[in-house]
Amino acid sequence: MQDVTAEKLFWDLAAELQGEDGRVVEGTIMGSACLRVGKEFLALVDYKGSGLVVKLPKQRVAELVEEGHGKPFGPGGKIFKEWLSVPALDRKRWHGLLREGVEFVS
């Protein structure tokens, strides 16, 4: 994924999701742009180098971390058990995780 930044990949995928699913909207979290489904937070991008940060069931987050597909997300040292950080740019993985996140927070 040459010359693609985390921000560009995230917002390209966000546009696809918004086009497919009227529930996904842009919002703000921690002073940065994010995606929401209604009032629920869904995802944000590259918060302090974190890549994709997406909300999923805590068991799924633990599973993905254990498999090496992501890292726990913990801004300020506090780990959020329902949030996964995926620093590696991977369009297919990010898209799948965003879809999982939409279903989880809906």
PDB file of N, CA and C in Angstrom:
ATOM      1  N   MET A   1       0.851  -1.187   0.000  1.00  0.00           N
ATOM      2  CA  MET A   1       0.000   0.000   0.000  1.00  0.00           C
ATOM      3  C   MET A   1       0.890   1.242   0.000  1.00  0.00           C
ATOM      4  N   GLN A   2       1.599   1.347  -1.056  1.00  0.00           N
ATOM      5  CA  GLN A   2       2.545   2.423  -1.240  1.00  0.00           C
ATOM      6  C   GLN A   2       1.849   3.786  -1.243  1.00  0.00           C
ATOM      7  N   ASP A   3       2.442   4.745  -0.552  1.00  0.00           N
ATOM      8  CA  ASP A   3       1.971   6.136  -0.533  1.00  0.00           C
ATOM      9  C   ASP A   3       0.569   6.317   0.054  1.00  0.00           C
ATOM     10  N   VAL A   4       0.065   5.342   0.773  1.00  0.00           N
ATOM     11  CA  VAL A   4      -1.236   5.488   1.420  1.00  0.00           C
ATOM     12  C   VAL A   4      -0.998   5.694   2.909  1.00  0.00           C
ATOM     13  N   THR A   5      -1.583   6.740   3.451  1.00  0.00           N
ATOM     14  CA  THR A   5      -1.465   6.987   4.881  1.00  0.00           C
ATOM     15  C   THR A   5      -2.641   6.338   5.599  1.00  0.00           C
ATOM     16  N   ALA A   6      -2.502   6.179   6.902  1.00  0.00           N
ATOM     17  CA  ALA A   6      -3.589   5.631   7.707  1.00  0.00           C
ATOM     18  C   ALA A   6      -4.836   6.502   7.560  1.00  0.00           C
ATOM     19  N   GLU A   7      -4.643   7.819   7.581  1.00  0.00           N
ATOM     20  CA  GLU A   7      -5.788   8.736   7.452  1.00  0.00           C
ATOM     21  C   GLU A   7      -6.506   8.556   6.122  1.00  0.00           C
ATOM     22  N   LYS A   8      -5.737   8.473   5.039  1.00  0.00           N
ATOM     23  CA  LYS A   8      -6.362   8.328   3.715  1.00  0.00           C
ATOM     24  C   LYS A   8      -7.122   7.010   3.623  1.00  0.00           C
ATOM     25  N   LEU A   9      -6.495   5.928   4.055  1.00  0.00           N
ATOM     26  CA  LEU A   9      -7.158   4.628   4.011  1.00  0.00           C
ATOM     27  C   LEU A   9      -8.436   4.652   4.848  1.00  0.00           C
ATOM     28  N   PHE A  10      -8.354   5.188   6.059  1.00  0.00           N
ATOM     29  CA  PHE A  10      -9.521   5.244   6.948  1.00  0.00           C
ATOM     30  C   PHE A  10     -10.673   6.018   6.309  1.00  0.00           C
ATOM     31  N   TRP A  11     -10.376   7.198   5.790  1.00  0.00           N
ATOM     32  CA  TRP A  11     -11.449   8.032   5.246  1.00  0.00           C
ATOM     33  C   TRP A  11     -11.982   7.497   3.920  1.00  0.00           C
ATOM     34  N   ASP A  12     -11.150   6.794   3.151  1.00  0.00           N
ATOM     35  CA  ASP A  12     -11.655   6.102   1.950  1.00  0.00           C
ATOM     36  C   ASP A  12     -12.641   5.010   2.359  1.00  0.00           C
ATOM     37  N   LEU A  13     -12.273   4.231   3.371  1.00  0.00           N
ATOM     38  CA  LEU A  13     -13.174   3.173   3.859  1.00  0.00           C
ATOM     39  C   LEU A  13     -14.420   3.774   4.503  1.00  0.00           C
ATOM     40  N   ALA A  14     -14.245   4.881   5.201  1.00  0.00           N
ATOM     41  CA  ALA A  14     -15.391   5.559   5.823  1.00  0.00           C
ATOM     42  C   ALA A  14     -16.398   5.989   4.758  1.00  0.00           C
ATOM     43  N   ALA A  15     -15.902   6.542   3.652  1.00  0.00           N
ATOM     44  CA  ALA A  15     -16.787   6.979   2.570  1.00  0.00           C
ATOM     45  C   ALA A  15     -17.556   5.787   1.998  1.00  0.00           C
ATOM     46  N   GLU A  16     -16.878   4.656   1.841  1.00  0.00           N
ATOM     47  CA  GLU A  16     -17.560   3.447   1.360  1.00  0.00           C
ATOM     48  C   GLU A  16     -18.663   3.030   2.327  1.00  0.00           C
ATOM     49  N   LEU A  17     -18.336   2.979   3.617  1.00  0.00           N
ATOM     50  CA  LEU A  17     -19.331   2.574   4.617  1.00  0.00           C
ATOM     51  C   LEU A  17     -20.507   3.544   4.659  1.00  0.00           C
ATOM     52  N   GLN A  18     -20.210   4.830   4.598  1.00  0.00           N
ATOM     53  CA  GLN A  18     -21.275   5.828   4.634  1.00  0.00           C
ATOM     54  C   GLN A  18     -22.174   5.698   3.419  1.00  0.00           C
ATOM     55  N   GLY A  19     -21.600   5.342   2.275  1.00  0.00           N
ATOM     56  CA  GLY A  19     -22.382   5.154   1.062  1.00  0.00           C
ATOM     57  C   GLY A  19     -23.263   3.923   1.115  1.00  0.00           C
ATOM     58  N   GLU A  20     -22.782   2.882   1.791  1.00  0.00           N
ATOM     59  CA  GLU A  20     -23.523   1.616   1.883  1.00  0.00           C
ATOM     60  C   GLU A  20     -24.531   1.610   3.026  1.00  0.00           C
ATOM     61  N   ASP A  21     -24.204   2.318   4.088  1.00  0.00           N
ATOM     62  CA  ASP A  21     -24.951   2.192   5.329  1.00  0.00           C
ATOM     63  C   ASP A  21     -25.226   3.578   5.892  1.00  0.00           C
ATOM     64  N   GLY A  22     -26.428   4.049   5.796  1.00  0.00           N
ATOM     65  CA  GLY A  22     -26.790   5.381   6.262  1.00  0.00           C
ATOM     66  C   GLY A  22     -26.625   5.590   7.750  1.00  0.00           C
ATOM     67  N   ARG A  23     -26.306   4.520   8.486  1.00  0.00           N
ATOM     68  CA  ARG A  23     -26.134   4.646   9.934  1.00  0.00           C
ATOM     69  C   ARG A  23     -24.777   5.230  10.310  1.00  0.00           C
ATOM     70  N   VAL A  24     -23.784   5.095   9.447  1.00  0.00           N
ATOM     71  CA  VAL A  24     -22.428   5.533   9.757  1.00  0.00           C
ATOM     72  C   VAL A  24     -22.289   7.017   9.428  1.00  0.00           C
ATOM     73  N   VAL A  25     -21.893   7.804  10.450  1.00  0.00           N
ATOM     74  CA  VAL A  25     -21.747   9.251  10.282  1.00  0.00           C
ATOM     75  C   VAL A  25     -20.437   9.705  10.909  1.00  0.00           C
ATOM     76  N   GLU A  26     -20.002  10.887  10.507  1.00  0.00           N
ATOM     77  CA  GLU A  26     -18.793  11.463  11.076  1.00  0.00           C
ATOM     78  C   GLU A  26     -19.130  12.191  12.370  1.00  0.00           C
ATOM     79  N   GLY A  27     -18.224  12.130  13.331  1.00  0.00           N
ATOM     80  CA  GLY A  27     -18.390  12.820  14.609  1.00  0.00           C
ATOM     81  C   GLY A  27     -17.028  13.196  15.153  1.00  0.00           C
ATOM     82  N   THR A  28     -16.956  13.450  16.453  1.00  0.00           N
ATOM     83  CA  THR A  28     -15.677  13.750  17.091  1.00  0.00           C
ATOM     84  C   THR A  28     -15.532  12.956  18.379  1.00  0.00           C
ATOM     85  N   ILE A  29     -14.275  12.628  18.697  1.00  0.00           N
ATOM     86  CA  ILE A  29     -13.915  11.947  19.938  1.00  0.00           C
ATOM     87  C   ILE A  29     -12.505  12.407  20.303  1.00  0.00           C
ATOM     88  N   MET A  30     -12.279  12.705  21.548  1.00  0.00           N
ATOM     89  CA  MET A  30     -10.967  13.156  22.037  1.00  0.00           C
ATOM     90  C   MET A  30     -10.399  14.274  21.169  1.00  0.00           C
ATOM     91  N   GLY A  31     -11.270  15.152  20.687  1.00  0.00           N
ATOM     92  CA  GLY A  31     -10.842  16.290  19.886  1.00  0.00           C
ATOM     93  C   GLY A  31     -10.476  15.975  18.448  1.00  0.00           C
ATOM     94  N   SER A  32     -10.749  14.754  18.001  1.00  0.00           N
ATOM     95  CA  SER A  32     -10.425  14.346  16.635  1.00  0.00           C
ATOM     96  C   SER A  32     -11.665  13.816  15.931  1.00  0.00           C
ATOM     97  N   ALA A  33     -11.602  13.798  14.610  1.00  0.00           N
ATOM     98  CA  ALA A  33     -12.707  13.248  13.821  1.00  0.00           C
ATOM     99  C   ALA A  33     -12.785  11.736  14.039  1.00  0.00           C
ATOM    100  N   CYS A  34     -14.008  11.231  14.018  1.00  0.00           N
ATOM    101  CA  CYS A  34     -14.230   9.792  14.190  1.00  0.00           C
ATOM    102  C   CYS A  34     -15.466   9.391  13.399  1.00  0.00           C
ATOM    103  N   LEU A  35     -15.773   8.109  13.451  1.00  0.00           N
ATOM    104  CA  LEU A  35     -17.025   7.598  12.895  1.00  0.00           C
ATOM    105  C   LEU A  35     -17.917   7.159  14.040  1.00  0.00           C
ATOM    106  N   ARG A  36     -19.208   7.358  13.845  1.00  0.00           N
ATOM    107  CA  ARG A  36     -20.219   6.947  14.816  1.00  0.00           C
ATOM    108  C   ARG A  36     -21.325   6.197  14.095  1.00  0.00           C
ATOM    109  N   VAL A  37     -22.049   5.437  14.867  1.00  0.00           N
ATOM    110  CA  VAL A  37     -23.305   4.839  14.418  1.00  0.00           C
ATOM    111  C   VAL A  37     -24.323   5.366  15.418  1.00  0.00           C
ATOM    112  N   GLY A  38     -25.136   6.320  14.965  1.00  0.00           N
ATOM    113  CA  GLY A  38     -26.023   7.010  15.892  1.00  0.00           C
ATOM    114  C   GLY A  38     -25.183   7.763  16.908  1.00  0.00           C
ATOM    115  N   LYS A  39     -25.440   7.536  18.195  1.00  0.00           N
ATOM    116  CA  LYS A  39     -24.674   8.207  19.250  1.00  0.00           C
ATOM    117  C   LYS A  39     -23.471   7.394  19.698  1.00  0.00           C
ATOM    118  N   GLU A  40     -23.334   6.185  19.183  1.00  0.00           N
ATOM    119  CA  GLU A  40     -22.247   5.286  19.594  1.00  0.00           C
ATOM    120  C   GLU A  40     -20.990   5.523  18.775  1.00  0.00           C
ATOM    121  N   PHE A  41     -19.850   5.558  19.452  1.00  0.00           N
ATOM    122  CA  PHE A  41     -18.571   5.662  18.766  1.00  0.00           C
ATOM    123  C   PHE A  41     -18.286   4.362  18.039  1.00  0.00           C
ATOM    124  N   LEU A  42     -17.711   4.456  16.851  1.00  0.00           N
ATOM    125  CA  LEU A  42     -17.358   3.291  16.050  1.00  0.00           C
ATOM    126  C   LEU A  42     -15.845   3.188  15.860  1.00  0.00           C
ATOM    127  N   ALA A  43     -15.218   4.242  15.373  1.00  0.00           N
ATOM    128  CA  ALA A  43     -13.802   4.146  15.038  1.00  0.00           C
ATOM    129  C   ALA A  43     -13.176   5.529  14.895  1.00  0.00           C
ATOM    130  N   LEU A  44     -11.855   5.538  15.028  1.00  0.00           N
ATOM    131  CA  LEU A  44     -11.074   6.728  14.753  1.00  0.00           C
ATOM    132  C   LEU A  44      -9.774   6.276  14.117  1.00  0.00           C
ATOM    133  N   VAL A  45      -8.980   7.241  13.677  1.00  0.00           N
ATOM    134  CA  VAL A  45      -7.758   6.872  12.965  1.00  0.00           C
ATOM    135  C   VAL A  45      -6.542   7.568  13.543  1.00  0.00           C
ATOM    136  N   ASP A  46      -5.478   6.801  13.610  1.00  0.00           N
ATOM    137  CA  ASP A  46      -4.126   7.260  13.897  1.00  0.00           C
ATOM    138  C   ASP A  46      -4.012   8.177  15.102  1.00  0.00           C
ATOM    139  N   TYR A  47      -4.706   7.846  16.175  1.00  0.00           N
ATOM    140  CA  TYR A  47      -4.551   8.580  17.423  1.00  0.00           C
ATOM    141  C   TYR A  47      -3.184   8.218  17.988  1.00  0.00           C
ATOM    142  N   LYS A  48      -2.241   9.149  17.937  1.00  0.00           N
ATOM    143  CA  LYS A  48      -0.869   8.935  18.417  1.00  0.00           C
ATOM    144  C   LYS A  48      -0.225   7.703  17.779  1.00  0.00           C
ATOM    145  N   GLY A  49      -0.412   7.542  16.460  1.00  0.00           N
ATOM    146  CA  GLY A  49       0.228   6.464  15.725  1.00  0.00           C
ATOM    147  C   GLY A  49      -0.443   5.114  15.838  1.00  0.00           C
ATOM    148  N   SER A  50      -1.698   5.093  16.247  1.00  0.00           N
ATOM    149  CA  SER A  50      -2.399   3.827  16.505  1.00  0.00           C
ATOM    150  C   SER A  50      -2.998   3.171  15.265  1.00  0.00           C
ATOM    151  N   GLY A  51      -2.973   3.841  14.104  1.00  0.00           N
ATOM    152  CA  GLY A  51      -3.611   3.280  12.914  1.00  0.00           C
ATOM    153  C   GLY A  51      -5.116   3.304  13.069  1.00  0.00           C
ATOM    154  N   LEU A  52      -5.763   2.213  12.679  1.00  0.00           N
ATOM    155  CA  LEU A  52      -7.212   2.089  12.878  1.00  0.00           C
ATOM    156  C   LEU A  52      -7.485   1.782  14.341  1.00  0.00           C
ATOM    157  N   VAL A  53      -8.452   2.478  14.923  1.00  0.00           N
ATOM    158  CA  VAL A  53      -8.932   2.164  16.270  1.00  0.00           C
ATOM    159  C   VAL A  53     -10.427   1.935  16.123  1.00  0.00           C
ATOM    160  N   VAL A  54     -10.881   0.724  16.461  1.00  0.00           N
ATOM    161  CA  VAL A  54     -12.266   0.345  16.219  1.00  0.00           C
ATOM    162  C   VAL A  54     -12.866  -0.314  17.460  1.00  0.00           C
ATOM    163  N   LYS A  55     -14.145  -0.059  17.684  1.00  0.00           N
ATOM    164  CA  LYS A  55     -14.853  -0.628  18.834  1.00  0.00           C
ATOM    165  C   LYS A  55     -15.464  -1.973  18.450  1.00  0.00           C
ATOM    166  N   LEU A  56     -15.122  -2.998  19.244  1.00  0.00           N
ATOM    167  CA  LEU A  56     -15.588  -4.369  19.026  1.00  0.00           C
ATOM    168  C   LEU A  56     -15.886  -4.997  20.379  1.00  0.00           C
ATOM    169  N   PRO A  57     -16.571  -6.128  20.397  1.00  0.00           N
ATOM    170  CA  PRO A  57     -16.787  -6.814  21.675  1.00  0.00           C
ATOM    171  C   PRO A  57     -15.446  -7.144  22.340  1.00  0.00           C
ATOM    172  N   LYS A  58     -15.372  -7.019  23.665  1.00  0.00           N
ATOM    173  CA  LYS A  58     -14.084  -7.204  24.338  1.00  0.00           C
ATOM    174  C   LYS A  58     -13.482  -8.585  24.103  1.00  0.00           C
ATOM    175  N   GLN A  59     -14.300  -9.606  23.968  1.00  0.00           N
ATOM    176  CA  GLN A  59     -13.779 -10.942  23.689  1.00  0.00           C
ATOM    177  C   GLN A  59     -13.124 -10.989  22.301  1.00  0.00           C
ATOM    178  N   ARG A  60     -13.729 -10.317  21.343  1.00  0.00           N
ATOM    179  CA  ARG A  60     -13.170 -10.258  19.984  1.00  0.00           C
ATOM    180  C   ARG A  60     -11.853  -9.478  19.985  1.00  0.00           C
ATOM    181  N   VAL A  61     -11.803  -8.386  20.748  1.00  0.00           N
ATOM    182  CA  VAL A  61     -10.563  -7.608  20.859  1.00  0.00           C
ATOM    183  C   VAL A  61      -9.458  -8.490  21.430  1.00  0.00           C
ATOM    184  N   ALA A  62      -9.759  -9.208  22.505  1.00  0.00           N
ATOM    185  CA  ALA A  62      -8.766 -10.093  23.134  1.00  0.00           C
ATOM    186  C   ALA A  62      -8.281 -11.158  22.145  1.00  0.00           C
ATOM    187  N   GLU A  63      -9.205 -11.709  21.388  1.00  0.00           N
ATOM    188  CA  GLU A  63      -8.874 -12.733  20.391  1.00  0.00           C
ATOM    189  C   GLU A  63      -7.932 -12.171  19.315  1.00  0.00           C
ATOM    190  N   LEU A  64      -8.246 -10.997  18.791  1.00  0.00           N
ATOM    191  CA  LEU A  64      -7.432 -10.385  17.743  1.00  0.00           C
ATOM    192  C   LEU A  64      -6.045 -10.002  18.266  1.00  0.00           C
ATOM    193  N   VAL A  65      -5.978  -9.528  19.501  1.00  0.00           N
ATOM    194  CA  VAL A  65      -4.688  -9.193  20.112  1.00  0.00           C
ATOM    195  C   VAL A  65      -3.865 -10.466  20.270  1.00  0.00           C
ATOM    196  N   GLU A  66      -4.488 -11.519  20.777  1.00  0.00           N
ATOM    197  CA  GLU A  66      -3.791 -12.794  20.978  1.00  0.00           C
ATOM    198  C   GLU A  66      -3.263 -13.354  19.653  1.00  0.00           C
ATOM    199  N   GLU A  67      -4.020 -13.180  18.576  1.00  0.00           N
ATOM    200  CA  GLU A  67      -3.615 -13.674  17.252  1.00  0.00           C
ATOM    201  C   GLU A  67      -2.585 -12.766  16.570  1.00  0.00           C
ATOM    202  N   GLY A  68      -2.280 -11.620  17.189  1.00  0.00           N
ATOM    203  CA  GLY A  68      -1.299 -10.701  16.626  1.00  0.00           C
ATOM    204  C   GLY A  68      -1.846  -9.783  15.552  1.00  0.00           C
ATOM    205  N   HIS A  69      -3.176  -9.642  15.486  1.00  0.00           N
ATOM    206  CA  HIS A  69      -3.800  -8.802  14.454  1.00  0.00           C
ATOM    207  C   HIS A  69      -4.076  -7.384  14.919  1.00  0.00           C
ATOM    208  N   GLY A  70      -3.729  -7.066  16.147  1.00  0.00           N
ATOM    209  CA  GLY A  70      -3.955  -5.729  16.668  1.00  0.00           C
ATOM    210  C   GLY A  70      -3.372  -5.616  18.052  1.00  0.00           C
ATOM    211  N   LYS A  71      -3.554  -4.434  18.633  1.00  0.00           N
ATOM    212  CA  LYS A  71      -3.026  -4.147  19.964  1.00  0.00           C
ATOM    213  C   LYS A  71      -4.151  -3.560  20.811  1.00  0.00           C
ATOM    214  N   PRO A  72      -4.034  -3.712  22.129  1.00  0.00           N
ATOM    215  CA  PRO A  72      -5.000  -3.032  22.994  1.00  0.00           C
ATOM    216  C   PRO A  72      -4.860  -1.522  22.799  1.00  0.00           C
ATOM    217  N   PHE A  73      -5.962  -0.805  22.893  1.00  0.00           N
ATOM    218  CA  PHE A  73      -5.939   0.649  22.759  1.00  0.00           C
ATOM    219  C   PHE A  73      -6.031   1.251  24.146  1.00  0.00           C
ATOM    220  N   GLY A  74      -5.041   2.045  24.493  1.00  0.00           N
ATOM    221  CA  GLY A  74      -5.013   2.632  25.821  1.00  0.00           C
ATOM    222  C   GLY A  74      -4.440   4.025  25.843  1.00  0.00           C
ATOM    223  N   PRO A  75      -5.226   5.014  25.447  1.00  0.00           N
ATOM    224  CA  PRO A  75      -4.717   6.385  25.520  1.00  0.00           C
ATOM    225  C   PRO A  75      -4.532   6.783  26.980  1.00  0.00           C
ATOM    226  N   GLY A  76      -3.451   7.413  27.269  1.00  0.00           N
ATOM    227  CA  GLY A  76      -3.207   7.856  28.638  1.00  0.00           C
ATOM    228  C   GLY A  76      -2.945   6.705  29.603  1.00  0.00           C
ATOM    229  N   GLY A  77      -2.636   5.517  29.083  1.00  0.00           N
ATOM    230  CA  GLY A  77      -2.305   4.388  29.938  1.00  0.00           C
ATOM    231  C   GLY A  77      -3.478   3.520  30.353  1.00  0.00           C
ATOM    232  N   LYS A  78      -4.704   3.978  30.170  1.00  0.00           N
ATOM    233  CA  LYS A  78      -5.885   3.183  30.534  1.00  0.00           C
ATOM    234  C   LYS A  78      -6.333   2.384  29.317  1.00  0.00           C
ATOM    235  N   ILE A  79      -6.338   1.058  29.431  1.00  0.00           N
ATOM    236  CA  ILE A  79      -6.743   0.193  28.323  1.00  0.00           C
ATOM    237  C   ILE A  79      -8.269   0.163  28.233  1.00  0.00           C
ATOM    238  N   PHE A  80      -8.787   0.402  27.025  1.00  0.00           N
ATOM    239  CA  PHE A  80     -10.213   0.292  26.766  1.00  0.00           C
ATOM    240  C   PHE A  80     -10.452  -1.091  26.187  1.00  0.00           C
ATOM    241  N   LYS A  81     -11.097  -1.968  26.928  1.00  0.00           N
ATOM    242  CA  LYS A  81     -11.229  -3.375  26.560  1.00  0.00           C
ATOM    243  C   LYS A  81     -12.051  -3.616  25.295  1.00  0.00           C
ATOM    244  N   GLU A  82     -12.875  -2.663  24.906  1.00  0.00           N
ATOM    245  CA  GLU A  82     -13.683  -2.838  23.696  1.00  0.00           C
ATOM    246  C   GLU A  82     -13.111  -2.076  22.505  1.00  0.00           C
ATOM    247  N   TRP A  83     -11.856  -1.675  22.584  1.00  0.00           N
ATOM    248  CA  TRP A  83     -11.233  -0.919  21.499  1.00  0.00           C
ATOM    249  C   TRP A  83      -9.962  -1.611  21.064  1.00  0.00           C
ATOM    250  N   LEU A  84      -9.810  -1.787  19.754  1.00  0.00           N
ATOM    251  CA  LEU A  84      -8.651  -2.436  19.158  1.00  0.00           C
ATOM    252  C   LEU A  84      -7.898  -1.437  18.291  1.00  0.00           C
ATOM    253  N   SER A  85      -6.576  -1.428  18.421  1.00  0.00           N
ATOM    254  CA  SER A  85      -5.703  -0.616  17.574  1.00  0.00           C
ATOM    255  C   SER A  85      -5.040  -1.531  16.549  1.00  0.00           C
ATOM    256  N   VAL A  86      -5.114  -1.130  15.281  1.00  0.00           N
ATOM    257  CA  VAL A  86      -4.504  -1.911  14.203  1.00  0.00           C
ATOM    258  C   VAL A  86      -3.565  -0.983  13.421  1.00  0.00           C
ATOM    259  N   PRO A  87      -2.290  -0.911  13.852  1.00  0.00           N
ATOM    260  CA  PRO A  87      -1.363   0.016  13.210  1.00  0.00           C
ATOM    261  C   PRO A  87      -1.015  -0.338  11.759  1.00  0.00           C
ATOM    262  N   ALA A  88      -0.979  -1.620  11.422  1.00  0.00           N
ATOM    263  CA  ALA A  88      -0.597  -2.035  10.064  1.00  0.00           C
ATOM    264  C   ALA A  88      -1.684  -1.666   9.057  1.00  0.00           C
ATOM    265  N   LEU A  89      -1.291  -0.982   7.996  1.00  0.00           N
ATOM    266  CA  LEU A  89      -2.248  -0.604   6.952  1.00  0.00           C
ATOM    267  C   LEU A  89      -2.631  -1.850   6.155  1.00  0.00           C
ATOM    268  N   ASP A  90      -3.901  -2.197   6.205  1.00  0.00           N
ATOM    269  CA  ASP A  90      -4.396  -3.389   5.509  1.00  0.00           C
ATOM    270  C   ASP A  90      -5.854  -3.130   5.151  1.00  0.00           C
ATOM    271  N   ARG A  91      -6.078  -2.730   3.915  1.00  0.00           N
ATOM    272  CA  ARG A  91      -7.420  -2.329   3.462  1.00  0.00           C
ATOM    273  C   ARG A  91      -8.468  -3.391   3.766  1.00  0.00           C
ATOM    274  N   LYS A  92      -8.187  -4.636   3.407  1.00  0.00           N
ATOM    275  CA  LYS A  92      -9.166  -5.709   3.591  1.00  0.00           C
ATOM    276  C   LYS A  92      -9.473  -5.927   5.084  1.00  0.00           C
ATOM    277  N   ARG A  93      -8.428  -5.989   5.900  1.00  0.00           N
ATOM    278  CA  ARG A  93      -8.632  -6.198   7.345  1.00  0.00           C
ATOM    279  C   ARG A  93      -9.384  -5.026   7.961  1.00  0.00           C
ATOM    280  N   TRP A  94      -8.956  -3.801   7.653  1.00  0.00           N
ATOM    281  CA  TRP A  94      -9.616  -2.633   8.218  1.00  0.00           C
ATOM    282  C   TRP A  94     -11.091  -2.598   7.814  1.00  0.00           C
ATOM    283  N   HIS A  95     -11.367  -2.898   6.556  1.00  0.00           N
ATOM    284  CA  HIS A  95     -12.752  -2.881   6.089  1.00  0.00           C
ATOM    285  C   HIS A  95     -13.587  -3.904   6.864  1.00  0.00           C
ATOM    286  N   GLY A  96     -13.064  -5.114   7.013  1.00  0.00           N
ATOM    287  CA  GLY A  96     -13.775  -6.154   7.752  1.00  0.00           C
ATOM    288  C   GLY A  96     -14.001  -5.772   9.205  1.00  0.00           C
ATOM    289  N   LEU A  97     -12.993  -5.198   9.836  1.00  0.00           N
ATOM    290  CA  LEU A  97     -13.131  -4.796  11.239  1.00  0.00           C
ATOM    291  C   LEU A  97     -14.123  -3.647  11.400  1.00  0.00           C
ATOM    292  N   LEU A  98     -14.121  -2.719  10.463  1.00  0.00           N
ATOM    293  CA  LEU A  98     -15.102  -1.634  10.523  1.00  0.00           C
ATOM    294  C   LEU A  98     -16.522  -2.185  10.390  1.00  0.00           C
ATOM    295  N   ARG A  99     -16.718  -3.150   9.509  1.00  0.00           N
ATOM    296  CA  ARG A  99     -18.044  -3.769   9.361  1.00  0.00           C
ATOM    297  C   ARG A  99     -18.457  -4.486  10.656  1.00  0.00           C
ATOM    298  N   GLU A 100     -17.509  -5.212  11.251  1.00  0.00           N
ATOM    299  CA  GLU A 100     -17.785  -5.867  12.548  1.00  0.00           C
ATOM    300  C   GLU A 100     -18.177  -4.820  13.583  1.00  0.00           C
ATOM    301  N   GLY A 101     -17.446  -3.705  13.585  1.00  0.00           N
ATOM    302  CA  GLY A 101     -17.724  -2.637  14.530  1.00  0.00           C
ATOM    303  C   GLY A 101     -19.111  -2.039  14.351  1.00  0.00           C
ATOM    304  N   VAL A 102     -19.517  -1.846  13.096  1.00  0.00           N
ATOM    305  CA  VAL A 102     -20.856  -1.313  12.822  1.00  0.00           C
ATOM    306  C   VAL A 102     -21.909  -2.232  13.418  1.00  0.00           C
ATOM    307  N   GLU A 103     -21.760  -3.530  13.205  1.00  0.00           N
ATOM    308  CA  GLU A 103     -22.741  -4.484  13.746  1.00  0.00           C
ATOM    309  C   GLU A 103     -22.721  -4.479  15.272  1.00  0.00           C
ATOM    310  N   PHE A 104     -21.545  -4.341  15.865  1.00  0.00           N
ATOM    311  CA  PHE A 104     -21.439  -4.358  17.322  1.00  0.00           C
ATOM    312  C   PHE A 104     -22.100  -3.133  17.957  1.00  0.00           C
ATOM    313  N   VAL A 105     -21.832  -1.960  17.436  1.00  0.00           N
ATOM    314  CA  VAL A 105     -22.346  -0.749  18.095  1.00  0.00           C
ATOM    315  C   VAL A 105     -23.783  -0.410  17.701  1.00  0.00           C
ATOM    316  N   SER A 106     -24.302  -1.086  16.675  1.00  0.00           N
ATOM    317  CA  SER A 106     -25.678  -0.802  16.224  1.00  0.00           C
ATOM    318  C   SER A 106     -26.712  -1.297  17.220  1.00  0.00           C
TER     319      SER A 106
END
